[in-house]
Amino acid sequence: MKNLPIAQTIQRRPGTTGAALVCTLDYAGRFLRRKRLRTDCGVPFLVDLAQAASLDEGDVLELSDGRLVAIAAAAEDLLQVQGDLPRLAWHIGNRHTPCQIDGDRLLIGRDPVIAHMLEHLGASVLEVYEPFTPEGGAYGHGRTHGHEHGASAHTGGEHGQAHAH
């Protein structure tokens, strides 16, 4: 096995980067800690971060050989949701479903159960295929799924309220 360049540092949306390499990943693929990846032009590299991280469109990984790899969001199967957006967004968020807010529409992962619920609430739901860049978590986390609701999950009363699922 040849030595691969290693990415251990993330630059968060630095703007103009001069990165000549791009790695396009879907939403699930942009959550990682240690993984072998390839750039869009086939250059292999290893991501080896201190902890799991959610990469966003425009983030840049610094390789050990000095090269920069820009992260791009891949197109994927989504649902476009239109209608009473504040009400619909509340129901989507109550189910901890990642959601992209985009002007007069919401984008969520394709899920027939959620689609049926939204249609019952009066939403117009359309299947689309495009990049997915949902909002980050409310407490500074990059993902909206997987947080705990127990008393031991949070300290200092940050998220002490209970809610039903």
Protein backbone atom coordinates (compact mmCIF):
# COMPACT_ATOMS: atom_id res chain seq x y z
CA MET A 1 0.00 0.00 0.00
CA LYS A 2 1.46 3.32 -1.01
CA ASN A 3 1.51 6.25 1.37
CA LEU A 4 -1.56 8.38 0.94
CA PRO A 5 -1.65 12.08 1.76
CA ILE A 6 -3.59 12.55 4.99
CA ALA A 7 -6.16 15.25 5.76
CA GLN A 8 -6.27 16.13 9.45
CA THR A 9 -7.31 19.78 9.22
CA ILE A 10 -10.56 21.36 8.01
CA GLN A 11 -10.81 24.97 6.88
CA ARG A 12 -14.44 25.98 7.38
CA ARG A 13 -15.76 27.73 4.24
CA PRO A 14 -12.66 29.82 3.63
CA GLY A 15 -14.01 31.46 0.46
CA THR A 16 -11.37 31.63 -2.26
CA THR A 17 -9.00 28.77 -1.50
CA GLY A 18 -6.95 28.07 -4.59
CA ALA A 19 -7.84 24.40 -4.12
CA ALA A 20 -7.18 22.57 -7.37
CA LEU A 21 -8.84 19.38 -6.12
CA VAL A 22 -12.52 18.78 -5.40
CA CYS A 23 -14.18 15.89 -3.58
CA THR A 24 -17.94 15.60 -4.15
CA LEU A 25 -19.83 13.78 -1.40
CA ASP A 26 -23.50 13.29 -0.56
CA TYR A 27 -24.93 14.42 2.79
CA ALA A 28 -24.25 11.09 4.54
CA GLY A 29 -20.74 10.93 3.09
CA ARG A 30 -19.89 14.38 4.44
CA PHE A 31 -20.10 13.07 8.03
CA LEU A 32 -16.85 11.27 8.78
CA ARG A 33 -13.83 10.85 11.01
CA ARG A 34 -11.52 8.38 9.31
CA LYS A 35 -12.07 7.35 5.73
CA ARG A 36 -10.23 6.78 2.47
CA LEU A 37 -11.61 9.07 -0.26
CA ARG A 38 -10.87 10.02 -3.86
CA THR A 39 -11.11 13.43 -5.41
CA ASP A 40 -13.36 13.89 -8.42
CA CYS A 41 -10.29 13.45 -10.66
CA GLY A 42 -9.25 10.21 -8.92
CA VAL A 43 -6.55 11.32 -6.45
CA PRO A 44 -6.77 9.07 -3.34
CA PHE A 45 -6.29 10.46 0.16
CA LEU A 46 -7.09 9.56 3.76
CA VAL A 47 -9.17 11.66 6.11
CA ASP A 48 -8.03 11.15 9.70
CA LEU A 49 -9.72 13.68 11.99
CA ALA A 50 -9.46 13.81 15.79
CA GLN A 51 -13.26 13.45 16.03
CA ALA A 52 -16.20 12.91 13.72
CA ALA A 53 -17.06 16.04 11.76
CA SER A 54 -19.74 17.21 9.39
CA LEU A 55 -18.22 18.72 6.25
CA ASP A 56 -20.16 21.44 4.48
CA GLU A 57 -20.17 22.59 0.87
CA GLY A 58 -17.16 24.91 0.54
CA ASP A 59 -15.12 23.45 3.40
CA VAL A 60 -11.52 22.57 2.52
CA LEU A 61 -9.37 19.68 3.70
CA GLU A 62 -5.62 20.33 4.00
CA LEU A 63 -3.56 17.35 2.87
CA SER A 64 -0.22 16.47 4.47
CA ASP A 65 1.53 17.18 1.15
CA GLY A 66 0.20 20.76 1.11
CA ARG A 67 -2.58 20.30 -1.43
CA LEU A 68 -6.09 21.52 -0.68
CA VAL A 69 -9.29 19.58 -1.38
CA ALA A 70 -12.54 21.56 -1.62
CA ILE A 71 -15.71 19.74 -0.53
CA ALA A 72 -18.72 19.85 -2.86
CA ALA A 73 -22.25 18.60 -2.16
CA ALA A 74 -23.36 15.81 -4.50
CA ALA A 75 -26.80 15.74 -6.08
CA GLU A 76 -29.10 13.24 -4.38
CA ASP A 77 -32.74 12.17 -4.20
CA LEU A 78 -34.70 14.82 -2.29
CA LEU A 79 -38.20 16.12 -1.69
CA GLN A 80 -39.00 19.74 -2.48
CA VAL A 81 -41.64 20.99 -0.06
CA GLN A 82 -43.75 24.11 -0.65
CA GLY A 83 -46.70 25.61 1.17
CA ASP A 84 -47.04 27.12 4.64
CA LEU A 85 -43.27 26.92 5.25
CA PRO A 86 -43.15 27.91 8.96
CA ARG A 87 -45.76 25.26 9.84
CA LEU A 88 -44.19 22.62 7.58
CA ALA A 89 -40.68 23.38 8.86
CA TRP A 90 -41.93 22.94 12.43
CA HIS A 91 -43.27 19.47 11.63
CA ILE A 92 -40.08 18.51 9.78
CA GLY A 93 -37.91 19.75 12.66
CA ASN A 94 -40.08 17.98 15.22
CA ARG A 95 -39.06 14.74 13.50
CA HIS A 96 -35.36 15.71 13.55
CA THR A 97 -35.27 15.48 9.76
CA PRO A 98 -32.37 17.37 8.14
CA CYS A 99 -33.83 20.27 6.16
CA GLN A 100 -32.45 22.83 3.73
CA ILE A 101 -34.27 26.17 3.73
CA ASP A 102 -34.14 27.59 0.22
CA GLY A 103 -36.26 30.69 -0.42
CA ASP A 104 -39.85 29.59 -1.05
CA ARG A 105 -39.16 25.89 -0.53
CA LEU A 106 -37.72 23.34 1.86
CA LEU A 107 -35.57 20.40 0.77
CA ILE A 108 -35.43 17.13 2.74
CA GLY A 109 -34.22 13.62 2.04
CA ARG A 110 -36.64 11.45 0.10
CA ASP A 111 -38.86 9.66 2.62
CA PRO A 112 -42.34 8.43 1.64
CA VAL A 113 -43.66 8.52 5.24
CA ILE A 114 -42.60 12.16 5.74
CA ALA A 115 -43.90 13.02 2.24
CA HIS A 116 -47.32 11.56 3.12
CA MET A 117 -47.41 13.50 6.40
CA LEU A 118 -46.51 16.76 4.63
CA GLU A 119 -49.13 16.22 1.92
CA HIS A 120 -51.70 15.66 4.69
CA LEU A 121 -50.66 19.06 6.07
CA GLY A 122 -51.38 20.68 2.69
CA ALA A 123 -47.84 20.78 1.34
CA SER A 124 -46.92 20.47 -2.31
CA VAL A 125 -44.25 17.75 -2.43
CA LEU A 126 -42.12 17.12 -5.53
CA GLU A 127 -39.27 14.64 -6.03
CA VAL A 128 -36.06 16.40 -7.13
CA TYR A 129 -32.40 15.47 -7.65
CA GLU A 130 -29.96 18.16 -6.53
CA PRO A 131 -27.23 18.95 -3.96
CA PHE A 132 -28.36 18.83 -0.32
CA THR A 133 -26.97 21.30 2.20
CA PRO A 134 -29.31 21.25 5.22
CA GLU A 135 -29.17 23.62 8.17
CA GLY A 136 -26.84 22.68 11.02
CA GLY A 137 -28.00 21.80 14.51
CA ALA A 138 -29.37 24.34 16.95
CA TYR A 139 -26.53 23.94 19.46
CA GLY A 140 -23.62 24.38 17.07
CA HIS A 141 -23.51 20.77 15.93
CA GLY A 142 -23.27 20.05 12.22
CA ARG A 143 -26.06 17.49 12.21
CA THR A 144 -29.64 17.54 13.43
CA HIS A 145 -29.94 13.81 14.09
CA GLY A 146 -28.66 11.62 16.86
CA HIS A 147 -28.87 13.85 19.89
CA GLU A 148 -30.12 12.43 23.18
CA HIS A 149 -33.13 13.53 25.21
CA GLY A 150 -32.27 12.09 28.61
CA ALA A 151 -31.36 14.12 31.68
CA SER A 152 -27.72 13.12 31.29
CA ALA A 153 -27.56 14.28 27.68
CA HIS A 154 -27.18 17.98 28.45
CA THR A 155 -25.99 20.00 31.40
CA GLY A 156 -26.85 23.50 32.48
CA GLY A 157 -30.49 23.29 31.35
CA GLU A 158 -29.57 23.89 27.73
CA HIS A 159 -32.14 21.45 26.35
CA GLY A 160 -34.14 20.27 29.33
CA GLN A 161 -37.60 20.43 27.79
CA ALA A 162 -39.23 17.15 26.83
CA HIS A 163 -41.13 16.48 23.65
CA ALA A 164 -42.94 13.52 22.21
CA HIS A 165 -41.85 11.52 19.18
